[in-house]
Amino acid sequence: MSLAEPKTVDDLLNYRISRLFASSGAMVIRLCEGRYGITRREWRLIALLAAHGAMSPSELSERAHLERARTSRHITELAARGLIRRVPDPEDGRRAEVDLTPRGRQLYDELFPQSIRFNGQVLAALTPAEVDAFEQALAKLTAQAERIAAGKPVPEKADRRHGGARRVRGG
């Protein structure tokens, strides 16, 4: 395999990271869904609220890297289960922030240490120096990808409301 000179899909950075995510994330997903009855995306929203405090649904959507409509559905579901709550803006009744409820905080306090444990088990394959080097490389790769994406190198965007990425090319 070669990241620098990919010959097949197996060599592509995104594919390799996706495989790592699928393998390492499976443990947390199983825990979220099986023990706590939440999806990985719902867990992401809960974890972000725990880490950063109350925020607008738009900010939460941006931090979670989820579409606003999907985030809104998750917020509604989590609020119905008493894990998060909407906090009205006293200055503008049309706006609200979302925040964890005590029950949501309790779920986070139980689940996060278990996520840390799985994280540690995966990282145990590396030496401390390799973990440091990986962190630095990951930060550089993320910054580079964000710079490239900000430049919109592919102007076309899939219309997800009408079939997603299905686009017919002329022959």
C-alpha atoms as a PDB file:
ATOM      1  CA  MET A   1       0.000   0.000   0.000  1.00  0.00           C
ATOM      2  CA  SER A   2       1.142   3.499  -0.744  1.00  0.00           C
ATOM      3  CA  LEU A   3      -0.550   6.697   0.378  1.00  0.00           C
ATOM      4  CA  ALA A   4       1.831   8.749  -1.741  1.00  0.00           C
ATOM      5  CA  GLU A   5       1.191   6.785  -4.940  1.00  0.00           C
ATOM      6  CA  PRO A   6      -2.243   5.130  -4.745  1.00  0.00           C
ATOM      7  CA  LYS A   7      -2.799   2.247  -7.152  1.00  0.00           C
ATOM      8  CA  THR A   8      -6.251   1.172  -5.902  1.00  0.00           C
ATOM      9  CA  VAL A   9      -8.962   2.503  -3.623  1.00  0.00           C
ATOM     10  CA  ASP A  10      -7.254   0.594  -0.790  1.00  0.00           C
ATOM     11  CA  ASP A  11      -4.352   3.071  -1.028  1.00  0.00           C
ATOM     12  CA  LEU A  12      -6.434   6.277  -0.783  1.00  0.00           C
ATOM     13  CA  LEU A  13      -6.092   8.277   2.442  1.00  0.00           C
ATOM     14  CA  ASN A  14      -9.846   8.800   2.856  1.00  0.00           C
ATOM     15  CA  TYR A  15     -10.547   5.097   2.374  1.00  0.00           C
ATOM     16  CA  ARG A  16      -7.912   4.090   4.926  1.00  0.00           C
ATOM     17  CA  ILE A  17      -9.192   6.625   7.453  1.00  0.00           C
ATOM     18  CA  SER A  18     -12.742   5.458   6.787  1.00  0.00           C
ATOM     19  CA  ARG A  19     -11.701   1.861   7.549  1.00  0.00           C
ATOM     20  CA  LEU A  20     -10.025   2.985  10.772  1.00  0.00           C
ATOM     21  CA  PHE A  21     -13.135   4.964  11.733  1.00  0.00           C
ATOM     22  CA  ALA A  22     -15.428   2.029  10.970  1.00  0.00           C
ATOM     23  CA  SER A  23     -13.326  -0.424  12.966  1.00  0.00           C
ATOM     24  CA  SER A  24     -12.583   1.765  15.963  1.00  0.00           C
ATOM     25  CA  GLY A  25     -15.990   3.447  15.933  1.00  0.00           C
ATOM     26  CA  ALA A  26     -17.847   0.136  15.899  1.00  0.00           C
ATOM     27  CA  MET A  27     -17.124  -0.364  19.583  1.00  0.00           C
ATOM     28  CA  VAL A  28     -18.565   3.012  20.539  1.00  0.00           C
ATOM     29  CA  ILE A  29     -21.524   2.628  18.172  1.00  0.00           C
ATOM     30  CA  ARG A  30     -22.387  -0.727  19.706  1.00  0.00           C
ATOM     31  CA  LEU A  31     -22.174   0.815  23.173  1.00  0.00           C
ATOM     32  CA  CYS A  32     -24.267   3.866  22.178  1.00  0.00           C
ATOM     33  CA  GLU A  33     -26.983   1.904  20.458  1.00  0.00           C
ATOM     34  CA  GLY A  34     -27.014  -1.199  22.633  1.00  0.00           C
ATOM     35  CA  ARG A  35     -26.615   0.212  26.110  1.00  0.00           C
ATOM     36  CA  TYR A  36     -27.770   3.812  25.782  1.00  0.00           C
ATOM     37  CA  GLY A  37     -30.241   3.755  22.879  1.00  0.00           C
ATOM     38  CA  ILE A  38     -28.655   6.636  20.979  1.00  0.00           C
ATOM     39  CA  THR A  39     -27.025   6.838  17.572  1.00  0.00           C
ATOM     40  CA  ARG A  40     -23.407   7.829  17.016  1.00  0.00           C
ATOM     41  CA  ARG A  41     -24.564  11.171  15.617  1.00  0.00           C
ATOM     42  CA  GLU A  42     -26.702  11.802  18.693  1.00  0.00           C
ATOM     43  CA  TRP A  43     -23.680  10.891  20.829  1.00  0.00           C
ATOM     44  CA  ARG A  44     -21.623  13.417  18.868  1.00  0.00           C
ATOM     45  CA  LEU A  45     -24.155  16.171  19.639  1.00  0.00           C
ATOM     46  CA  ILE A  46     -24.267  15.246  23.328  1.00  0.00           C
ATOM     47  CA  ALA A  47     -20.469  15.163  23.547  1.00  0.00           C
ATOM     48  CA  LEU A  48     -20.146  18.554  21.828  1.00  0.00           C
ATOM     49  CA  LEU A  49     -22.684  20.142  24.177  1.00  0.00           C
ATOM     50  CA  ALA A  50     -20.847  18.643  27.154  1.00  0.00           C
ATOM     51  CA  ALA A  51     -17.509  19.959  25.898  1.00  0.00           C
ATOM     52  CA  HIS A  52     -18.596  23.417  24.719  1.00  0.00           C
ATOM     53  CA  GLY A  53     -21.815  24.235  26.560  1.00  0.00           C
ATOM     54  CA  ALA A  54     -25.086  25.562  25.216  1.00  0.00           C
ATOM     55  CA  MET A  55     -25.086  26.741  21.613  1.00  0.00           C
ATOM     56  CA  SER A  56     -27.428  27.470  18.760  1.00  0.00           C
ATOM     57  CA  PRO A  57     -28.595  24.558  16.623  1.00  0.00           C
ATOM     58  CA  SER A  58     -26.689  26.081  13.694  1.00  0.00           C
ATOM     59  CA  GLU A  59     -23.433  26.193  15.632  1.00  0.00           C
ATOM     60  CA  LEU A  60     -23.993  22.651  16.875  1.00  0.00           C
ATOM     61  CA  SER A  61     -24.621  21.500  13.309  1.00  0.00           C
ATOM     62  CA  GLU A  62     -21.416  23.156  12.127  1.00  0.00           C
ATOM     63  CA  ARG A  63     -19.299  21.734  14.959  1.00  0.00           C
ATOM     64  CA  ALA A  64     -20.771  18.264  14.414  1.00  0.00           C
ATOM     65  CA  HIS A  65     -20.224  18.427  10.636  1.00  0.00           C
ATOM     66  CA  LEU A  66     -23.871  17.498  10.051  1.00  0.00           C
ATOM     67  CA  GLU A  67     -26.526  19.033   7.836  1.00  0.00           C
ATOM     68  CA  ARG A  68     -28.806  21.439   9.687  1.00  0.00           C
ATOM     69  CA  ALA A  69     -31.939  19.424   8.903  1.00  0.00           C
ATOM     70  CA  ARG A  70     -30.392  16.229  10.275  1.00  0.00           C
ATOM     71  CA  THR A  71     -29.171  18.078  13.370  1.00  0.00           C
ATOM     72  CA  SER A  72     -32.655  19.492  13.893  1.00  0.00           C
ATOM     73  CA  ARG A  73     -34.167  15.985  13.775  1.00  0.00           C
ATOM     74  CA  HIS A  74     -31.601  14.725  16.281  1.00  0.00           C
ATOM     75  CA  ILE A  75     -32.262  17.687  18.572  1.00  0.00           C
ATOM     76  CA  THR A  76     -35.988  16.971  18.480  1.00  0.00           C
ATOM     77  CA  GLU A  77     -35.410  13.295  19.258  1.00  0.00           C
ATOM     78  CA  LEU A  78     -32.929  13.968  22.070  1.00  0.00           C
ATOM     79  CA  ALA A  79     -35.241  16.593  23.582  1.00  0.00           C
ATOM     80  CA  ALA A  80     -38.152  14.135  23.475  1.00  0.00           C
ATOM     81  CA  ARG A  81     -36.009  11.667  25.444  1.00  0.00           C
ATOM     82  CA  GLY A  82     -35.076  14.325  27.992  1.00  0.00           C
ATOM     83  CA  LEU A  83     -31.354  14.376  27.141  1.00  0.00           C
ATOM     84  CA  ILE A  84     -31.178  17.931  25.819  1.00  0.00           C
ATOM     85  CA  ARG A  85     -33.380  20.975  26.155  1.00  0.00           C
ATOM     86  CA  ARG A  86     -34.069  24.080  24.181  1.00  0.00           C
ATOM     87  CA  VAL A  87     -33.257  27.280  26.059  1.00  0.00           C
ATOM     88  CA  PRO A  88     -35.182  30.286  24.645  1.00  0.00           C
ATOM     89  CA  ASP A  89     -33.249  33.462  23.950  1.00  0.00           C
ATOM     90  CA  PRO A  90     -34.765  36.050  26.330  1.00  0.00           C
ATOM     91  CA  GLU A  91     -34.029  38.853  23.842  1.00  0.00           C
ATOM     92  CA  ASP A  92     -35.426  37.076  20.765  1.00  0.00           C
ATOM     93  CA  GLY A  93     -38.257  34.603  21.297  1.00  0.00           C
ATOM     94  CA  ARG A  94     -37.716  33.119  17.837  1.00  0.00           C
ATOM     95  CA  ARG A  95     -34.236  31.901  18.756  1.00  0.00           C
ATOM     96  CA  ALA A  96     -33.080  29.258  21.196  1.00  0.00           C
ATOM     97  CA  GLU A  97     -29.946  27.435  22.209  1.00  0.00           C
ATOM     98  CA  VAL A  98     -29.724  23.772  23.040  1.00  0.00           C
ATOM     99  CA  ASP A  99     -28.052  22.387  26.131  1.00  0.00           C
ATOM    100  CA  LEU A 100     -27.764  19.129  28.032  1.00  0.00           C
ATOM    101  CA  THR A 101     -30.270  18.267  30.709  1.00  0.00           C
ATOM    102  CA  PRO A 102     -29.024  16.657  33.925  1.00  0.00           C
ATOM    103  CA  ARG A 103     -30.003  13.306  32.397  1.00  0.00           C
ATOM    104  CA  GLY A 104     -27.991  14.109  29.260  1.00  0.00           C
ATOM    105  CA  ARG A 105     -25.006  15.102  31.382  1.00  0.00           C
ATOM    106  CA  GLN A 106     -25.290  11.824  33.308  1.00  0.00           C
ATOM    107  CA  LEU A 107     -25.291   9.857  30.040  1.00  0.00           C
ATOM    108  CA  TYR A 108     -22.215  11.777  28.904  1.00  0.00           C
ATOM    109  CA  ASP A 109     -20.465  11.200  32.234  1.00  0.00           C
ATOM    110  CA  GLU A 110     -21.047   7.442  31.871  1.00  0.00           C
ATOM    111  CA  LEU A 111     -20.282   7.078  28.177  1.00  0.00           C
ATOM    112  CA  PHE A 112     -17.292   9.380  27.706  1.00  0.00           C
ATOM    113  CA  PRO A 113     -14.882   7.410  29.944  1.00  0.00           C
ATOM    114  CA  GLN A 114     -15.784   4.266  28.014  1.00  0.00           C
ATOM    115  CA  SER A 115     -15.068   6.084  24.741  1.00  0.00           C
ATOM    116  CA  ILE A 116     -11.706   7.156  26.165  1.00  0.00           C
ATOM    117  CA  ARG A 117     -10.945   3.519  27.007  1.00  0.00           C
ATOM    118  CA  PHE A 118     -11.684   2.359  23.434  1.00  0.00           C
ATOM    119  CA  ASN A 119      -9.634   5.275  22.098  1.00  0.00           C
ATOM    120  CA  GLY A 120      -6.718   4.204  24.289  1.00  0.00           C
ATOM    121  CA  GLN A 121      -6.986   0.588  23.178  1.00  0.00           C
ATOM    122  CA  VAL A 122      -6.668   1.609  19.530  1.00  0.00           C
ATOM    123  CA  LEU A 123      -3.809   4.036  20.209  1.00  0.00           C
ATOM    124  CA  ALA A 124      -1.980   1.354  22.223  1.00  0.00           C
ATOM    125  CA  ALA A 125      -0.675   0.080  18.880  1.00  0.00           C
ATOM    126  CA  LEU A 126       1.550   3.177  18.734  1.00  0.00           C
ATOM    127  CA  THR A 127       4.413   4.348  20.896  1.00  0.00           C
ATOM    128  CA  PRO A 128       3.994   7.711  22.664  1.00  0.00           C
ATOM    129  CA  ALA A 129       6.303   9.282  20.060  1.00  0.00           C
ATOM    130  CA  GLU A 130       4.195   7.806  17.245  1.00  0.00           C
ATOM    131  CA  VAL A 131       1.012   9.154  18.864  1.00  0.00           C
ATOM    132  CA  ASP A 132       2.590  12.636  18.983  1.00  0.00           C
ATOM    133  CA  ALA A 133       3.717  12.379  15.354  1.00  0.00           C
ATOM    134  CA  PHE A 134       0.274  11.102  14.318  1.00  0.00           C
ATOM    135  CA  GLU A 135      -1.427  14.001  16.125  1.00  0.00           C
ATOM    136  CA  GLN A 136       0.791  16.494  14.343  1.00  0.00           C
ATOM    137  CA  ALA A 137       0.270  14.827  10.966  1.00  0.00           C
ATOM    138  CA  LEU A 138      -3.480  14.650  11.508  1.00  0.00           C
ATOM    139  CA  ALA A 139      -3.604  18.365  12.366  1.00  0.00           C
ATOM    140  CA  LYS A 140      -1.644  19.232   9.201  1.00  0.00           C
ATOM    141  CA  LEU A 141      -3.796  16.987   7.010  1.00  0.00           C
ATOM    142  CA  THR A 142      -7.009  18.416   8.475  1.00  0.00           C
ATOM    143  CA  ALA A 143      -5.841  22.000   7.963  1.00  0.00           C
ATOM    144  CA  GLN A 144      -4.821  21.218   4.375  1.00  0.00           C
ATOM    145  CA  ALA A 145      -8.135  19.502   3.605  1.00  0.00           C
ATOM    146  CA  GLU A 146     -10.053  22.452   5.072  1.00  0.00           C
ATOM    147  CA  ARG A 147      -8.032  24.896   2.927  1.00  0.00           C
ATOM    148  CA  ILE A 148      -8.716  22.844  -0.193  1.00  0.00           C
ATOM    149  CA  ALA A 149     -12.432  22.462   0.601  1.00  0.00           C
ATOM    150  CA  ALA A 150     -12.776  26.202   1.293  1.00  0.00           C
ATOM    151  CA  GLY A 151     -11.576  26.831  -2.256  1.00  0.00           C
ATOM    152  CA  LYS A 152     -14.447  24.690  -3.593  1.00  0.00           C
ATOM    153  CA  PRO A 153     -12.327  22.692  -6.043  1.00  0.00           C
ATOM    154  CA  VAL A 154     -15.472  20.889  -7.232  1.00  0.00           C
ATOM    155  CA  PRO A 155     -18.173  23.454  -8.002  1.00  0.00           C
ATOM    156  CA  GLU A 156     -20.985  20.912  -8.397  1.00  0.00           C
ATOM    157  CA  LYS A 157     -22.916  19.998  -5.287  1.00  0.00           C
ATOM    158  CA  ALA A 158     -25.250  17.039  -5.013  1.00  0.00           C
ATOM    159  CA  ASP A 159     -28.922  17.868  -4.596  1.00  0.00           C
ATOM    160  CA  ARG A 160     -29.574  15.599  -1.625  1.00  0.00           C
ATOM    161  CA  ARG A 161     -33.283  16.406  -1.576  1.00  0.00           C
ATOM    162  CA  HIS A 162     -33.692  14.914  -5.027  1.00  0.00           C
ATOM    163  CA  GLY A 163     -31.601  11.784  -5.106  1.00  0.00           C
ATOM    164  CA  GLY A 164     -28.291  12.790  -3.604  1.00  0.00           C
ATOM    165  CA  ALA A 165     -25.294  12.255  -5.840  1.00  0.00           C
ATOM    166  CA  ARG A 166     -27.218  10.754  -8.743  1.00  0.00           C
ATOM    167  CA  ARG A 167     -26.059  12.776 -11.664  1.00  0.00           C
ATOM    168  CA  VAL A 168     -26.359  11.659 -15.241  1.00  0.00           C
ATOM    169  CA  ARG A 169     -23.425  12.479 -17.445  1.00  0.00           C
ATOM    170  CA  GLY A 170     -23.843  13.023 -21.130  1.00  0.00           C
ATOM    171  CA  GLY A 171     -22.199  10.453 -23.401  1.00  0.00           C
END
